[in-house]
Structure formats: C-alpha cells, structure tokens
N, C-alpha and C. Protein backbone atom coordinates (compact mmCIF):
# COMPACT_ATOMS: atom_id res chain seq x y z
N UNK A 1 92.53 110.31 132.96
CA UNK A 1 91.57 110.62 131.92
C UNK A 1 92.09 111.80 131.11
N UNK A 2 92.03 111.69 129.77
CA UNK A 2 92.50 112.75 128.88
C UNK A 2 91.64 114.00 129.03
N UNK A 3 92.23 115.21 128.84
CA UNK A 3 91.46 116.45 128.96
C UNK A 3 90.25 116.50 128.03
N UNK A 4 90.40 115.99 126.81
CA UNK A 4 89.28 116.03 125.87
C UNK A 4 88.12 115.18 126.40
N UNK A 5 88.45 114.01 126.94
CA UNK A 5 87.41 113.15 127.50
C UNK A 5 86.70 113.86 128.64
N UNK A 6 87.46 114.54 129.49
CA UNK A 6 86.85 115.30 130.59
C UNK A 6 85.93 116.38 130.04
N UNK A 7 86.36 117.05 128.97
CA UNK A 7 85.52 118.09 128.36
C UNK A 7 84.20 117.51 127.86
N UNK A 8 84.27 116.39 127.19
CA UNK A 8 83.05 115.78 126.67
C UNK A 8 82.14 115.30 127.80
N UNK A 9 82.72 114.72 128.82
CA UNK A 9 81.91 114.28 129.95
C UNK A 9 81.26 115.47 130.65
N UNK A 10 81.97 116.58 130.71
CA UNK A 10 81.39 117.79 131.32
C UNK A 10 80.21 118.29 130.49
N UNK A 11 80.36 118.30 129.17
CA UNK A 11 79.25 118.72 128.30
C UNK A 11 78.06 117.79 128.47
N UNK A 12 78.31 116.48 128.49
CA UNK A 12 77.23 115.50 128.67
C UNK A 12 76.48 115.80 129.96
N UNK A 13 77.22 116.09 131.01
CA UNK A 13 76.59 116.41 132.31
C UNK A 13 75.79 117.70 132.21
N UNK A 14 76.34 118.71 131.55
CA UNK A 14 75.66 120.01 131.44
C UNK A 14 74.35 119.92 130.66
N UNK A 15 74.29 119.01 129.69
CA UNK A 15 73.04 118.88 128.93
C UNK A 15 72.08 117.89 129.58
N UNK A 16 72.47 117.34 130.72
CA UNK A 16 71.56 116.48 131.47
C UNK A 16 71.53 115.04 131.02
N UNK A 17 72.52 114.61 130.28
CA UNK A 17 72.57 113.21 129.82
C UNK A 17 73.65 112.48 130.61
N UNK A 18 73.67 111.19 130.46
CA UNK A 18 74.75 110.38 131.01
C UNK A 18 75.32 109.56 129.87
N UNK A 19 76.60 109.21 129.95
CA UNK A 19 77.20 108.43 128.86
C UNK A 19 76.40 107.18 128.50
N UNK A 20 75.75 106.54 129.47
CA UNK A 20 75.01 105.31 129.18
C UNK A 20 73.72 105.59 128.41
N UNK A 21 73.25 106.85 128.38
CA UNK A 21 72.01 107.16 127.64
C UNK A 21 72.29 107.64 126.23
N UNK A 22 73.56 107.77 125.87
CA UNK A 22 73.91 108.28 124.55
C UNK A 22 73.98 107.14 123.55
N UNK A 23 73.50 107.38 122.36
CA UNK A 23 73.62 106.40 121.28
C UNK A 23 74.96 106.60 120.60
N UNK A 24 75.56 105.54 120.11
CA UNK A 24 76.80 105.65 119.37
C UNK A 24 76.48 106.04 117.94
N UNK A 25 76.99 107.19 117.49
CA UNK A 25 76.68 107.64 116.13
C UNK A 25 77.46 106.84 115.10
N UNK A 26 77.05 106.90 113.84
CA UNK A 26 77.83 106.24 112.79
C UNK A 26 79.20 106.92 112.68
N UNK A 27 80.13 106.24 112.06
CA UNK A 27 81.48 106.76 111.92
C UNK A 27 81.45 108.10 111.21
N UNK A 28 82.02 109.11 111.84
CA UNK A 28 82.06 110.46 111.28
C UNK A 28 83.10 110.53 110.17
N UNK A 29 83.12 111.67 109.49
CA UNK A 29 84.13 111.87 108.46
C UNK A 29 85.53 111.80 109.08
N UNK A 30 85.72 112.45 110.24
CA UNK A 30 87.01 112.37 110.91
C UNK A 30 87.36 110.94 111.28
N UNK A 31 86.38 110.20 111.77
CA UNK A 31 86.60 108.80 112.10
C UNK A 31 86.95 107.98 110.88
N UNK A 32 86.34 108.31 109.74
CA UNK A 32 86.66 107.60 108.51
C UNK A 32 88.11 107.87 108.10
N UNK A 33 88.58 109.12 108.28
CA UNK A 33 89.97 109.42 107.94
C UNK A 33 90.93 108.59 108.79
N UNK A 34 90.67 108.53 110.08
CA UNK A 34 91.53 107.76 110.98
C UNK A 34 91.47 106.28 110.63
N UNK A 35 90.26 105.76 110.39
CA UNK A 35 90.11 104.35 110.04
C UNK A 35 90.87 104.02 108.76
N UNK A 36 90.79 104.90 107.77
CA UNK A 36 91.50 104.64 106.51
C UNK A 36 93.00 104.70 106.73
N UNK A 37 93.45 105.64 107.55
CA UNK A 37 94.88 105.72 107.85
C UNK A 37 95.39 104.45 108.50
N UNK A 38 94.61 103.92 109.42
CA UNK A 38 95.00 102.67 110.07
C UNK A 38 94.93 101.50 109.10
N UNK A 39 93.95 101.53 108.19
CA UNK A 39 93.86 100.46 107.19
C UNK A 39 95.05 100.48 106.24
N UNK A 40 95.55 101.68 105.93
CA UNK A 40 96.71 101.81 105.04
C UNK A 40 98.02 101.49 105.73
N UNK A 41 97.98 101.42 107.05
CA UNK A 41 99.21 101.24 107.81
C UNK A 41 100.03 100.01 107.41
N UNK A 42 99.43 98.82 107.24
CA UNK A 42 100.26 97.65 106.90
C UNK A 42 101.08 97.83 105.63
N UNK A 43 100.53 98.50 104.61
CA UNK A 43 101.29 98.69 103.38
C UNK A 43 102.37 99.75 103.55
N UNK A 44 102.22 100.60 104.55
CA UNK A 44 103.20 101.66 104.76
C UNK A 44 104.39 101.22 105.60
N UNK A 45 104.24 100.21 106.42
CA UNK A 45 105.31 99.87 107.35
C UNK A 45 106.52 99.23 106.69
N UNK A 46 106.41 98.83 105.43
CA UNK A 46 107.57 98.30 104.73
C UNK A 46 108.55 99.40 104.35
N UNK A 47 108.14 100.65 104.50
CA UNK A 47 108.99 101.79 104.16
C UNK A 47 109.84 102.19 105.35
N UNK A 48 110.68 103.22 105.16
CA UNK A 48 111.48 103.71 106.28
C UNK A 48 110.55 104.21 107.38
N UNK A 49 111.02 104.28 108.61
CA UNK A 49 110.15 104.68 109.72
C UNK A 49 109.42 106.00 109.50
N UNK A 50 110.10 107.02 109.01
CA UNK A 50 109.44 108.32 108.78
C UNK A 50 108.40 108.19 107.68
N UNK A 51 108.77 107.56 106.58
CA UNK A 51 107.84 107.44 105.46
C UNK A 51 106.63 106.60 105.83
N UNK A 52 106.82 105.66 106.75
CA UNK A 52 105.70 104.78 107.10
C UNK A 52 104.61 105.50 107.89
N UNK A 53 104.95 106.58 108.58
CA UNK A 53 103.93 107.28 109.36
C UNK A 53 103.24 108.39 108.58
N UNK A 54 103.76 108.76 107.43
CA UNK A 54 103.20 109.88 106.68
C UNK A 54 101.73 109.66 106.32
N UNK A 55 101.33 108.53 105.75
CA UNK A 55 99.90 108.39 105.43
C UNK A 55 98.99 108.54 106.65
N UNK A 56 99.39 107.94 107.76
CA UNK A 56 98.57 108.07 108.96
C UNK A 56 98.50 109.52 109.42
N UNK A 57 99.61 110.25 109.36
CA UNK A 57 99.60 111.66 109.76
C UNK A 57 98.70 112.49 108.84
N UNK A 58 98.70 112.19 107.56
CA UNK A 58 97.82 112.93 106.64
C UNK A 58 96.36 112.68 106.99
N UNK A 59 96.02 111.44 107.28
CA UNK A 59 94.64 111.13 107.68
C UNK A 59 94.30 111.78 109.02
N UNK A 60 95.24 111.78 109.95
CA UNK A 60 95.00 112.44 111.24
C UNK A 60 94.84 113.94 111.05
N UNK A 61 95.64 114.52 110.17
CA UNK A 61 95.51 115.95 109.88
C UNK A 61 94.11 116.27 109.37
N UNK A 62 93.62 115.46 108.45
CA UNK A 62 92.27 115.68 107.92
C UNK A 62 91.23 115.55 109.03
N UNK A 63 91.42 114.61 109.92
CA UNK A 63 90.50 114.43 111.03
C UNK A 63 90.54 115.62 111.97
N UNK A 64 91.72 116.11 112.27
CA UNK A 64 91.86 117.29 113.14
C UNK A 64 91.24 118.52 112.48
N UNK A 65 91.46 118.69 111.17
CA UNK A 65 90.86 119.82 110.46
C UNK A 65 89.34 119.74 110.51
N UNK A 66 88.83 118.54 110.36
CA UNK A 66 87.38 118.34 110.42
C UNK A 66 86.86 118.65 111.82
N UNK A 67 87.62 118.29 112.83
CA UNK A 67 87.20 118.58 114.20
C UNK A 67 87.11 120.08 114.44
N UNK A 68 88.05 120.84 113.89
CA UNK A 68 88.00 122.31 114.03
C UNK A 68 86.70 122.84 113.45
N UNK A 69 86.35 122.38 112.26
CA UNK A 69 85.12 122.84 111.60
C UNK A 69 83.89 122.44 112.42
N UNK A 70 83.84 121.19 112.84
CA UNK A 70 82.67 120.68 113.56
C UNK A 70 82.48 121.38 114.90
N UNK A 71 83.55 121.43 115.70
CA UNK A 71 83.41 122.03 117.02
C UNK A 71 83.17 123.53 116.93
N UNK A 72 83.75 124.20 115.94
CA UNK A 72 83.49 125.62 115.74
C UNK A 72 82.01 125.85 115.43
N UNK A 73 81.47 125.00 114.58
CA UNK A 73 80.05 125.12 114.22
C UNK A 73 79.16 124.94 115.44
N UNK A 74 79.48 123.97 116.27
CA UNK A 74 78.68 123.74 117.48
C UNK A 74 78.84 124.89 118.47
N UNK A 75 80.05 125.40 118.61
CA UNK A 75 80.32 126.45 119.60
C UNK A 75 79.55 127.73 119.29
N UNK A 76 79.29 128.00 118.02
CA UNK A 76 78.61 129.24 117.65
C UNK A 76 77.16 129.30 118.14
N UNK A 77 76.61 128.18 118.54
CA UNK A 77 75.22 128.15 119.01
C UNK A 77 75.10 128.52 120.49
N UNK A 78 76.22 128.75 121.15
CA UNK A 78 76.19 129.06 122.57
C UNK A 78 76.56 130.52 122.79
N UNK A 79 75.86 131.16 123.69
CA UNK A 79 76.10 132.57 123.99
C UNK A 79 77.50 132.76 124.58
N UNK A 80 78.04 133.95 124.37
CA UNK A 80 79.34 134.29 124.93
C UNK A 80 79.31 134.07 126.45
N UNK A 81 80.26 133.34 126.94
CA UNK A 81 80.32 133.06 128.38
C UNK A 81 79.62 131.78 128.79
N UNK A 82 78.86 131.18 127.90
CA UNK A 82 78.19 129.92 128.21
C UNK A 82 79.26 128.84 128.44
N UNK A 83 79.06 128.01 129.45
CA UNK A 83 80.07 127.02 129.80
C UNK A 83 80.31 126.00 128.69
N UNK A 84 79.24 125.54 128.06
CA UNK A 84 79.42 124.56 126.97
C UNK A 84 80.17 125.21 125.81
N UNK A 85 79.79 126.44 125.46
CA UNK A 85 80.49 127.14 124.39
C UNK A 85 81.97 127.33 124.71
N UNK A 86 82.27 127.65 125.97
CA UNK A 86 83.66 127.82 126.38
C UNK A 86 84.43 126.51 126.26
N UNK A 87 83.81 125.42 126.66
CA UNK A 87 84.46 124.11 126.54
C UNK A 87 84.72 123.80 125.06
N UNK A 88 83.72 124.03 124.23
CA UNK A 88 83.89 123.76 122.79
C UNK A 88 84.98 124.64 122.19
N UNK A 89 85.04 125.89 122.59
CA UNK A 89 86.10 126.78 122.08
C UNK A 89 87.48 126.33 122.55
N UNK A 90 87.57 125.79 123.76
CA UNK A 90 88.83 125.23 124.23
C UNK A 90 89.24 124.03 123.37
N UNK A 91 88.25 123.21 123.04
CA UNK A 91 88.53 122.06 122.18
C UNK A 91 88.99 122.53 120.80
N UNK A 92 88.34 123.54 120.25
CA UNK A 92 88.73 124.10 118.94
C UNK A 92 90.18 124.57 118.99
N UNK A 93 90.54 125.29 120.04
CA UNK A 93 91.92 125.77 120.18
C UNK A 93 92.91 124.61 120.19
N UNK A 94 92.57 123.56 120.92
CA UNK A 94 93.44 122.39 120.99
C UNK A 94 93.55 121.70 119.63
N UNK A 95 92.43 121.57 118.94
CA UNK A 95 92.45 120.93 117.62
C UNK A 95 93.27 121.76 116.62
N UNK A 96 93.16 123.08 116.69
CA UNK A 96 93.96 123.95 115.80
C UNK A 96 95.45 123.77 116.07
N UNK A 97 95.79 123.59 117.32
CA UNK A 97 97.20 123.34 117.67
C UNK A 97 97.66 122.02 117.05
N UNK A 98 96.82 121.00 117.10
CA UNK A 98 97.16 119.72 116.48
C UNK A 98 97.37 119.88 114.98
N UNK A 99 96.48 120.64 114.33
CA UNK A 99 96.60 120.88 112.89
C UNK A 99 97.95 121.53 112.58
N UNK A 100 98.29 122.57 113.32
CA UNK A 100 99.57 123.28 113.08
C UNK A 100 100.76 122.34 113.26
N UNK A 101 100.74 121.53 114.32
CA UNK A 101 101.86 120.64 114.59
C UNK A 101 102.02 119.60 113.47
N UNK A 102 100.92 118.98 113.07
CA UNK A 102 101.01 117.94 112.04
C UNK A 102 101.40 118.55 110.70
N UNK A 103 100.78 119.69 110.35
CA UNK A 103 101.09 120.33 109.06
C UNK A 103 102.56 120.73 109.02
N UNK A 104 103.07 121.28 110.12
CA UNK A 104 104.48 121.68 110.18
C UNK A 104 105.39 120.47 109.95
N UNK A 105 105.08 119.36 110.61
CA UNK A 105 105.91 118.16 110.47
C UNK A 105 105.87 117.65 109.03
N UNK A 106 104.68 117.59 108.43
CA UNK A 106 104.56 117.10 107.05
C UNK A 106 105.30 118.03 106.08
N UNK A 107 105.18 119.33 106.29
CA UNK A 107 105.87 120.28 105.42
C UNK A 107 107.39 120.12 105.51
N UNK A 108 107.89 119.92 106.73
CA UNK A 108 109.34 119.72 106.90
C UNK A 108 109.80 118.45 106.20
N UNK A 109 109.03 117.37 106.36
CA UNK A 109 109.43 116.12 105.71
C UNK A 109 109.36 116.26 104.20
N UNK A 110 108.39 117.00 103.70
CA UNK A 110 108.30 117.21 102.26
C UNK A 110 109.55 117.91 101.74
N UNK A 111 110.09 118.83 102.51
CA UNK A 111 111.29 119.56 102.11
C UNK A 111 112.55 118.72 102.28
N UNK A 112 112.60 117.93 103.34
CA UNK A 112 113.85 117.26 103.72
C UNK A 112 114.00 115.83 103.22
N UNK A 113 112.90 115.18 102.85
CA UNK A 113 112.95 113.76 102.48
C UNK A 113 112.34 113.61 101.09
N UNK A 114 113.17 113.28 100.11
CA UNK A 114 112.72 113.26 98.72
C UNK A 114 111.44 112.45 98.47
N UNK A 115 111.31 111.20 98.92
CA UNK A 115 110.10 110.44 98.60
C UNK A 115 108.85 110.88 99.38
N UNK A 116 109.02 111.75 100.36
CA UNK A 116 107.87 112.14 101.18
C UNK A 116 106.82 112.89 100.38
N UNK A 117 107.24 113.71 99.42
CA UNK A 117 106.29 114.51 98.65
C UNK A 117 105.23 113.64 97.97
N UNK A 118 105.64 112.59 97.30
CA UNK A 118 104.69 111.71 96.59
C UNK A 118 103.77 110.99 97.57
N UNK A 119 104.32 110.55 98.68
CA UNK A 119 103.50 109.84 99.67
C UNK A 119 102.45 110.78 100.24
N UNK A 120 102.85 112.01 100.54
CA UNK A 120 101.90 113.00 101.06
C UNK A 120 100.84 113.32 100.02
N UNK A 121 101.25 113.54 98.78
CA UNK A 121 100.29 113.85 97.72
C UNK A 121 99.29 112.72 97.52
N UNK A 122 99.76 111.49 97.54
CA UNK A 122 98.87 110.33 97.39
C UNK A 122 97.89 110.24 98.55
N UNK A 123 98.40 110.39 99.76
CA UNK A 123 97.52 110.32 100.93
C UNK A 123 96.50 111.46 100.91
N UNK A 124 96.92 112.66 100.52
CA UNK A 124 95.99 113.79 100.45
C UNK A 124 94.94 113.57 99.37
N UNK A 125 95.31 112.94 98.26
CA UNK A 125 94.32 112.60 97.22
C UNK A 125 93.32 111.58 97.76
N UNK A 126 93.81 110.62 98.54
CA UNK A 126 92.91 109.64 99.16
C UNK A 126 91.95 110.31 100.13
N UNK A 127 92.46 111.25 100.91
CA UNK A 127 91.61 112.00 101.84
C UNK A 127 90.52 112.74 101.08
N UNK A 128 90.91 113.38 99.99
CA UNK A 128 89.91 114.12 99.19
C UNK A 128 88.86 113.16 98.62
N UNK A 129 89.26 111.98 98.21
CA UNK A 129 88.29 111.00 97.70
C UNK A 129 87.33 110.56 98.80
N UNK A 130 87.85 110.34 99.99
CA UNK A 130 86.99 109.96 101.13
C UNK A 130 86.01 111.08 101.43
N UNK A 131 86.50 112.32 101.44
CA UNK A 131 85.65 113.49 101.73
C UNK A 131 84.55 113.59 100.68
N UNK A 132 84.89 113.44 99.42
CA UNK A 132 83.92 113.53 98.33
C UNK A 132 82.87 112.44 98.45
N UNK A 133 83.32 111.22 98.71
CA UNK A 133 82.38 110.10 98.86
C UNK A 133 81.46 110.32 100.05
N UNK A 134 82.01 110.77 101.16
CA UNK A 134 81.21 111.03 102.37
C UNK A 134 80.16 112.10 102.08
N UNK A 135 80.58 113.19 101.46
CA UNK A 135 79.65 114.29 101.18
C UNK A 135 78.56 113.86 100.20
N UNK A 136 78.90 112.97 99.28
CA UNK A 136 77.88 112.49 98.33
C UNK A 136 76.81 111.68 99.03
N UNK A 137 77.17 111.01 100.12
CA UNK A 137 76.16 110.23 100.84
C UNK A 137 75.20 111.13 101.60
N UNK A 138 75.64 112.35 101.92
CA UNK A 138 74.78 113.28 102.65
C UNK A 138 73.72 113.89 101.75
N UNK A 139 73.99 113.94 100.45
CA UNK A 139 73.05 114.59 99.53
C UNK A 139 72.02 113.62 98.97
N UNK A 140 72.07 112.38 99.38
CA UNK A 140 71.11 111.40 98.86
C UNK A 140 69.79 111.49 99.57
C-alpha cells in the first residue's frame, strides 16, 4: 500500500469513518488536470519519447500544485500537534517535493530540447483554461 493511501486511511479512521461510508466526490480540479493529460496522451505519443510525456507532466504538475494548496488549507484547521494536521502536513511536504521534481525536469527539457518550449507553453495554456473553466463553475 502506498504511503499516501495509508495516510488517507489513517485520517478516515481518526474521523470515525470507514472507506465504505464515504461518498465519491466529483472529479476535483487536480483530477481534471490528470484526466486531461491522459486524454491528450494519444496525440502526444507520435512525438519523440521525451516530448510525448511533456503534456502529461504539465498536467501532473498542476495537479500536484493544487494538492499543495488543498492540503495546506485543510491542515490549517488542526491544532499544532494534532495527528490529522501532522498527516496533512506530511502530505503537503511530499506534494511540494513532487512539484519541485516535475518543475525541475520541465525546466531542463525547456533548456535542452528545442521543441519542448512550445509543447510546455501549450500544455500550460490548456491547464490555465481548465482552471478558469473549473473556477467559473464554482461561482454559479
């Protein structure tokens, strides 16, 4: 079992719920980024191996960045030393590490591979469009 899954199961236990009593929420903004990255995958695989993964990495980066914001917001509601808050802060630290790793890789490819810049810019524009559309649905 992955550490993140263990963390979530521990939180579920701490709040007195069981996985079978939880409702499945609608697709989150992070989930939408990942879903769009996977949807774009078939058109990307005709490119070189490195270029083909760039759109998915950009969508994953957006999802990881969103996770940092979301988990940080939730963690602030728990007192210092609270077990759930500690678990959430551990998750935030892990998500920040993912953001740094993906951003570093994308930045290197942008410098080292000529066509990477346009692919990254296009994927980042798509991410921004998804974010804008998602946020507009919240204000309705």
